[in-house]
Amino acid sequence: MLTNSRRNFLGVLLGSAALAGCGVFDSEPEPAPQPDAFQPLLDEALALAAAYDRLIVSQPALATRLTPLAEDHRAHAADLTRLIGAAVVSAAPSASAPSAPADSIATLRKAEQAGQKAAAAACKTAPADRAMLAGSIAACRATHAEALR
């Protein structure tokens, strides 16, 4: 038979063990949540849209040709935002694009090619419910690269 002080001691001991198991006494902070695997695709879509916007501001004669491509990237960003639940930060166009249209278009073409490779790689590793979106983005970026020839 246990005395009152032994029962209290055992109660405190068991309660402490239970609290320790719950992490109350852990000094390590919770790890930060990992970013979504599609976050780089969202970041690229926003960067490409902004690059098109900058070129359109600096070379208004290219607006008819480039605006639909920029809009595609904004649509991708909206779709990716809904998928991963991220907040979209929109960038206002600036006139900081290079002044030579051929050089600027060549730079955009290279960015589209790199973006297409990234989207294709994401498509290959994504679960089925996400692979369709990544594949669609990869195809669109490949089409943009060809349209910029």
C-alpha atoms as a PDB file:
ATOM      1  CA  MET A   1       0.000   0.000   0.000  1.00  0.00           C
ATOM      2  CA  LEU A   2       1.315   3.422  -0.992  1.00  0.00           C
ATOM      3  CA  THR A   3       1.370   6.368   1.326  1.00  0.00           C
ATOM      4  CA  ASN A   4      -0.022   9.713   0.328  1.00  0.00           C
ATOM      5  CA  SER A   5       3.392  11.261  -0.354  1.00  0.00           C
ATOM      6  CA  ARG A   6       4.454   8.298  -2.517  1.00  0.00           C
ATOM      7  CA  ARG A   7       1.213   8.515  -4.490  1.00  0.00           C
ATOM      8  CA  ASN A   8       1.756  12.232  -5.034  1.00  0.00           C
ATOM      9  CA  PHE A   9       5.338  11.611  -6.086  1.00  0.00           C
ATOM     10  CA  LEU A  10       4.263   8.904  -8.573  1.00  0.00           C
ATOM     11  CA  GLY A  11       1.512  11.169  -9.880  1.00  0.00           C
ATOM     12  CA  VAL A  12       3.937  14.007 -10.446  1.00  0.00           C
ATOM     13  CA  LEU A  13       6.430  11.625 -12.060  1.00  0.00           C
ATOM     14  CA  LEU A  14       3.834  10.134 -14.430  1.00  0.00           C
ATOM     15  CA  GLY A  15       2.422  13.573 -15.238  1.00  0.00           C
ATOM     16  CA  SER A  16       5.901  14.890 -16.046  1.00  0.00           C
ATOM     17  CA  ALA A  17       6.587  11.920 -18.289  1.00  0.00           C
ATOM     18  CA  ALA A  18       3.308  12.497 -20.128  1.00  0.00           C
ATOM     19  CA  LEU A  19       4.055  16.190 -20.585  1.00  0.00           C
ATOM     20  CA  ALA A  20       7.569  15.445 -21.791  1.00  0.00           C
ATOM     21  CA  GLY A  21       6.115  13.101 -24.402  1.00  0.00           C
ATOM     22  CA  CYS A  22       3.820  15.878 -25.618  1.00  0.00           C
ATOM     23  CA  GLY A  23       6.739  18.175 -26.269  1.00  0.00           C
ATOM     24  CA  VAL A  24       5.967  20.649 -23.497  1.00  0.00           C
ATOM     25  CA  PHE A  25       9.548  20.509 -22.251  1.00  0.00           C
ATOM     26  CA  ASP A  26      11.191  20.334 -25.669  1.00  0.00           C
ATOM     27  CA  SER A  27      13.453  23.283 -26.329  1.00  0.00           C
ATOM     28  CA  GLU A  28      13.659  22.742 -30.091  1.00  0.00           C
ATOM     29  CA  PRO A  29      11.292  24.875 -32.156  1.00  0.00           C
ATOM     30  CA  GLU A  30       8.964  23.271 -34.643  1.00  0.00           C
ATOM     31  CA  PRO A  31      10.620  22.943 -38.048  1.00  0.00           C
ATOM     32  CA  ALA A  32       9.472  25.457 -40.622  1.00  0.00           C
ATOM     33  CA  PRO A  33       7.050  23.981 -43.147  1.00  0.00           C
ATOM     34  CA  GLN A  34       8.698  23.008 -46.408  1.00  0.00           C
ATOM     35  CA  PRO A  35       7.782  25.186 -49.384  1.00  0.00           C
ATOM     36  CA  ASP A  36       5.503  23.590 -51.925  1.00  0.00           C
ATOM     37  CA  ALA A  37       7.342  21.785 -54.718  1.00  0.00           C
ATOM     38  CA  PHE A  38       5.479  23.942 -57.242  1.00  0.00           C
ATOM     39  CA  GLN A  39       6.599  27.240 -55.672  1.00  0.00           C
ATOM     40  CA  PRO A  40       9.511  27.548 -58.169  1.00  0.00           C
ATOM     41  CA  LEU A  41       7.021  27.232 -61.051  1.00  0.00           C
ATOM     42  CA  LEU A  42       4.945  30.016 -59.530  1.00  0.00           C
ATOM     43  CA  ASP A  43       8.029  32.181 -59.019  1.00  0.00           C
ATOM     44  CA  GLU A  44       9.093  31.604 -62.650  1.00  0.00           C
ATOM     45  CA  ALA A  45       5.624  32.400 -63.980  1.00  0.00           C
ATOM     46  CA  LEU A  46       5.618  35.708 -62.118  1.00  0.00           C
ATOM     47  CA  ALA A  47       9.181  36.504 -63.213  1.00  0.00           C
ATOM     48  CA  LEU A  48       8.413  35.744 -66.859  1.00  0.00           C
ATOM     49  CA  ALA A  49       5.244  37.864 -66.797  1.00  0.00           C
ATOM     50  CA  ALA A  50       7.234  40.726 -65.277  1.00  0.00           C
ATOM     51  CA  ALA A  51       9.986  40.341 -67.896  1.00  0.00           C
ATOM     52  CA  TYR A  52       7.426  40.553 -70.692  1.00  0.00           C
ATOM     53  CA  ASP A  53       5.840  43.590 -69.043  1.00  0.00           C
ATOM     54  CA  ARG A  54       9.203  45.363 -68.799  1.00  0.00           C
ATOM     55  CA  LEU A  55       9.934  44.697 -72.464  1.00  0.00           C
ATOM     56  CA  ILE A  56       6.474  45.893 -73.487  1.00  0.00           C
ATOM     57  CA  VAL A  57       6.989  49.128 -71.535  1.00  0.00           C
ATOM     58  CA  SER A  58      10.404  49.727 -73.094  1.00  0.00           C
ATOM     59  CA  GLN A  59       9.378  48.592 -76.599  1.00  0.00           C
ATOM     60  CA  PRO A  60       5.662  49.419 -77.073  1.00  0.00           C
ATOM     61  CA  ALA A  61       5.782  48.234 -80.699  1.00  0.00           C
ATOM     62  CA  LEU A  62       6.149  44.661 -79.363  1.00  0.00           C
ATOM     63  CA  ALA A  63       3.020  44.860 -77.197  1.00  0.00           C
ATOM     64  CA  THR A  64       0.733  43.102 -79.676  1.00  0.00           C
ATOM     65  CA  ARG A  65       3.175  40.219 -80.000  1.00  0.00           C
ATOM     66  CA  LEU A  66       4.149  39.883 -76.329  1.00  0.00           C
ATOM     67  CA  THR A  67       1.012  40.719 -74.335  1.00  0.00           C
ATOM     68  CA  PRO A  68      -0.668  37.325 -74.945  1.00  0.00           C
ATOM     69  CA  LEU A  69       2.503  35.565 -73.756  1.00  0.00           C
ATOM     70  CA  ALA A  70       2.605  37.657 -70.575  1.00  0.00           C
ATOM     71  CA  GLU A  71      -1.073  36.897 -70.002  1.00  0.00           C
ATOM     72  CA  ASP A  72      -0.355  33.160 -70.265  1.00  0.00           C
ATOM     73  CA  HIS A  73       2.187  33.481 -67.461  1.00  0.00           C
ATOM     74  CA  ARG A  74      -0.262  35.422 -65.319  1.00  0.00           C
ATOM     75  CA  ALA A  75      -2.855  32.682 -65.889  1.00  0.00           C
ATOM     76  CA  HIS A  76      -0.293  30.057 -64.863  1.00  0.00           C
ATOM     77  CA  ALA A  77       0.513  32.067 -61.743  1.00  0.00           C
ATOM     78  CA  ALA A  78      -3.191  32.230 -60.857  1.00  0.00           C
ATOM     79  CA  ASP A  79      -3.595  28.467 -61.357  1.00  0.00           C
ATOM     80  CA  LEU A  80      -0.484  27.700 -59.316  1.00  0.00           C
ATOM     81  CA  THR A  81      -1.584  30.078 -56.581  1.00  0.00           C
ATOM     82  CA  ARG A  82      -4.900  28.274 -56.270  1.00  0.00           C
ATOM     83  CA  LEU A  83      -3.159  24.894 -56.291  1.00  0.00           C
ATOM     84  CA  ILE A  84      -0.589  25.593 -53.605  1.00  0.00           C
ATOM     85  CA  GLY A  85      -2.454  28.262 -51.648  1.00  0.00           C
ATOM     86  CA  ALA A  86       0.277  30.877 -51.970  1.00  0.00           C
ATOM     87  CA  ALA A  87      -0.116  34.621 -51.992  1.00  0.00           C
ATOM     88  CA  VAL A  88       0.755  36.282 -55.287  1.00  0.00           C
ATOM     89  CA  VAL A  89       2.929  39.360 -55.235  1.00  0.00           C
ATOM     90  CA  SER A  90       2.396  41.298 -58.427  1.00  0.00           C
ATOM     91  CA  ALA A  91       5.197  43.349 -59.861  1.00  0.00           C
ATOM     92  CA  ALA A  92       4.493  46.528 -61.743  1.00  0.00           C
ATOM     93  CA  PRO A  93       6.138  46.806 -65.148  1.00  0.00           C
ATOM     94  CA  SER A  94       9.258  48.939 -65.281  1.00  0.00           C
ATOM     95  CA  ALA A  95      11.221  50.392 -68.134  1.00  0.00           C
ATOM     96  CA  SER A  96      14.455  48.661 -67.112  1.00  0.00           C
ATOM     97  CA  ALA A  97      14.528  46.207 -70.032  1.00  0.00           C
ATOM     98  CA  PRO A  98      17.402  46.427 -72.507  1.00  0.00           C
ATOM     99  CA  SER A  99      16.698  48.690 -75.458  1.00  0.00           C
ATOM    100  CA  ALA A 100      17.528  46.317 -78.338  1.00  0.00           C
ATOM    101  CA  PRO A 101      14.405  44.264 -79.215  1.00  0.00           C
ATOM    102  CA  ALA A 102      16.410  41.315 -80.640  1.00  0.00           C
ATOM    103  CA  ASP A 103      18.550  41.056 -77.512  1.00  0.00           C
ATOM    104  CA  SER A 104      15.507  41.372 -75.273  1.00  0.00           C
ATOM    105  CA  ILE A 105      13.540  38.807 -77.207  1.00  0.00           C
ATOM    106  CA  ALA A 106      16.555  36.484 -77.181  1.00  0.00           C
ATOM    107  CA  THR A 107      16.767  36.868 -73.410  1.00  0.00           C
ATOM    108  CA  LEU A 108      13.061  36.077 -73.065  1.00  0.00           C
ATOM    109  CA  ARG A 109      13.468  33.067 -75.334  1.00  0.00           C
ATOM    110  CA  LYS A 110      16.271  31.703 -73.146  1.00  0.00           C
ATOM    111  CA  ALA A 111      14.152  32.280 -70.044  1.00  0.00           C
ATOM    112  CA  GLU A 112      11.237  30.452 -71.670  1.00  0.00           C
ATOM    113  CA  GLN A 113      13.481  27.513 -72.574  1.00  0.00           C
ATOM    114  CA  ALA A 114      14.832  27.288 -69.026  1.00  0.00           C
ATOM    115  CA  GLY A 115      11.309  27.595 -67.637  1.00  0.00           C
ATOM    116  CA  GLN A 116      10.080  24.848 -69.961  1.00  0.00           C
ATOM    117  CA  LYS A 117      12.778  22.489 -68.677  1.00  0.00           C
ATOM    118  CA  ALA A 118      11.891  23.273 -65.071  1.00  0.00           C
ATOM    119  CA  ALA A 119       8.177  22.697 -65.699  1.00  0.00           C
ATOM    120  CA  ALA A 120       8.876  19.429 -67.545  1.00  0.00           C
ATOM    121  CA  ALA A 121      11.022  18.219 -64.632  1.00  0.00           C
ATOM    122  CA  ALA A 122       8.245  19.148 -62.180  1.00  0.00           C
ATOM    123  CA  CYS A 123       5.755  17.270 -64.357  1.00  0.00           C
ATOM    124  CA  LYS A 124       7.854  14.097 -64.211  1.00  0.00           C
ATOM    125  CA  THR A 125       8.013  14.087 -60.412  1.00  0.00           C
ATOM    126  CA  ALA A 126       4.572  15.473 -59.587  1.00  0.00           C
ATOM    127  CA  PRO A 127       1.632  13.391 -58.425  1.00  0.00           C
ATOM    128  CA  ALA A 128      -0.984  12.779 -61.110  1.00  0.00           C
ATOM    129  CA  ASP A 129      -3.313  15.536 -59.910  1.00  0.00           C
ATOM    130  CA  ARG A 130      -0.517  18.103 -60.386  1.00  0.00           C
ATOM    131  CA  ALA A 131       1.281  16.640 -63.402  1.00  0.00           C
ATOM    132  CA  MET A 132      -1.348  17.902 -65.833  1.00  0.00           C
ATOM    133  CA  LEU A 133      -0.829  21.517 -64.788  1.00  0.00           C
ATOM    134  CA  ALA A 134       2.967  21.222 -64.880  1.00  0.00           C
ATOM    135  CA  GLY A 135       2.796  19.553 -68.300  1.00  0.00           C
ATOM    136  CA  SER A 136       0.515  22.271 -69.607  1.00  0.00           C
ATOM    137  CA  ILE A 137       2.904  24.950 -68.344  1.00  0.00           C
ATOM    138  CA  ALA A 138       5.874  23.138 -69.928  1.00  0.00           C
ATOM    139  CA  ALA A 139       4.078  22.934 -73.273  1.00  0.00           C
ATOM    140  CA  CYS A 140       3.067  26.589 -73.140  1.00  0.00           C
ATOM    141  CA  ARG A 141       6.616  27.696 -72.356  1.00  0.00           C
ATOM    142  CA  ALA A 142       7.980  25.614 -75.241  1.00  0.00           C
ATOM    143  CA  THR A 143       5.438  27.258 -77.541  1.00  0.00           C
ATOM    144  CA  HIS A 144       6.462  30.697 -76.287  1.00  0.00           C
ATOM    145  CA  ALA A 145      10.130  29.925 -76.981  1.00  0.00           C
ATOM    146  CA  GLU A 146       9.236  29.034 -80.561  1.00  0.00           C
ATOM    147  CA  ALA A 147       7.035  32.122 -80.942  1.00  0.00           C
ATOM    148  CA  LEU A 148      10.014  34.262 -79.947  1.00  0.00           C
ATOM    149  CA  ARG A 149      12.239  32.980 -82.777  1.00  0.00           C
END
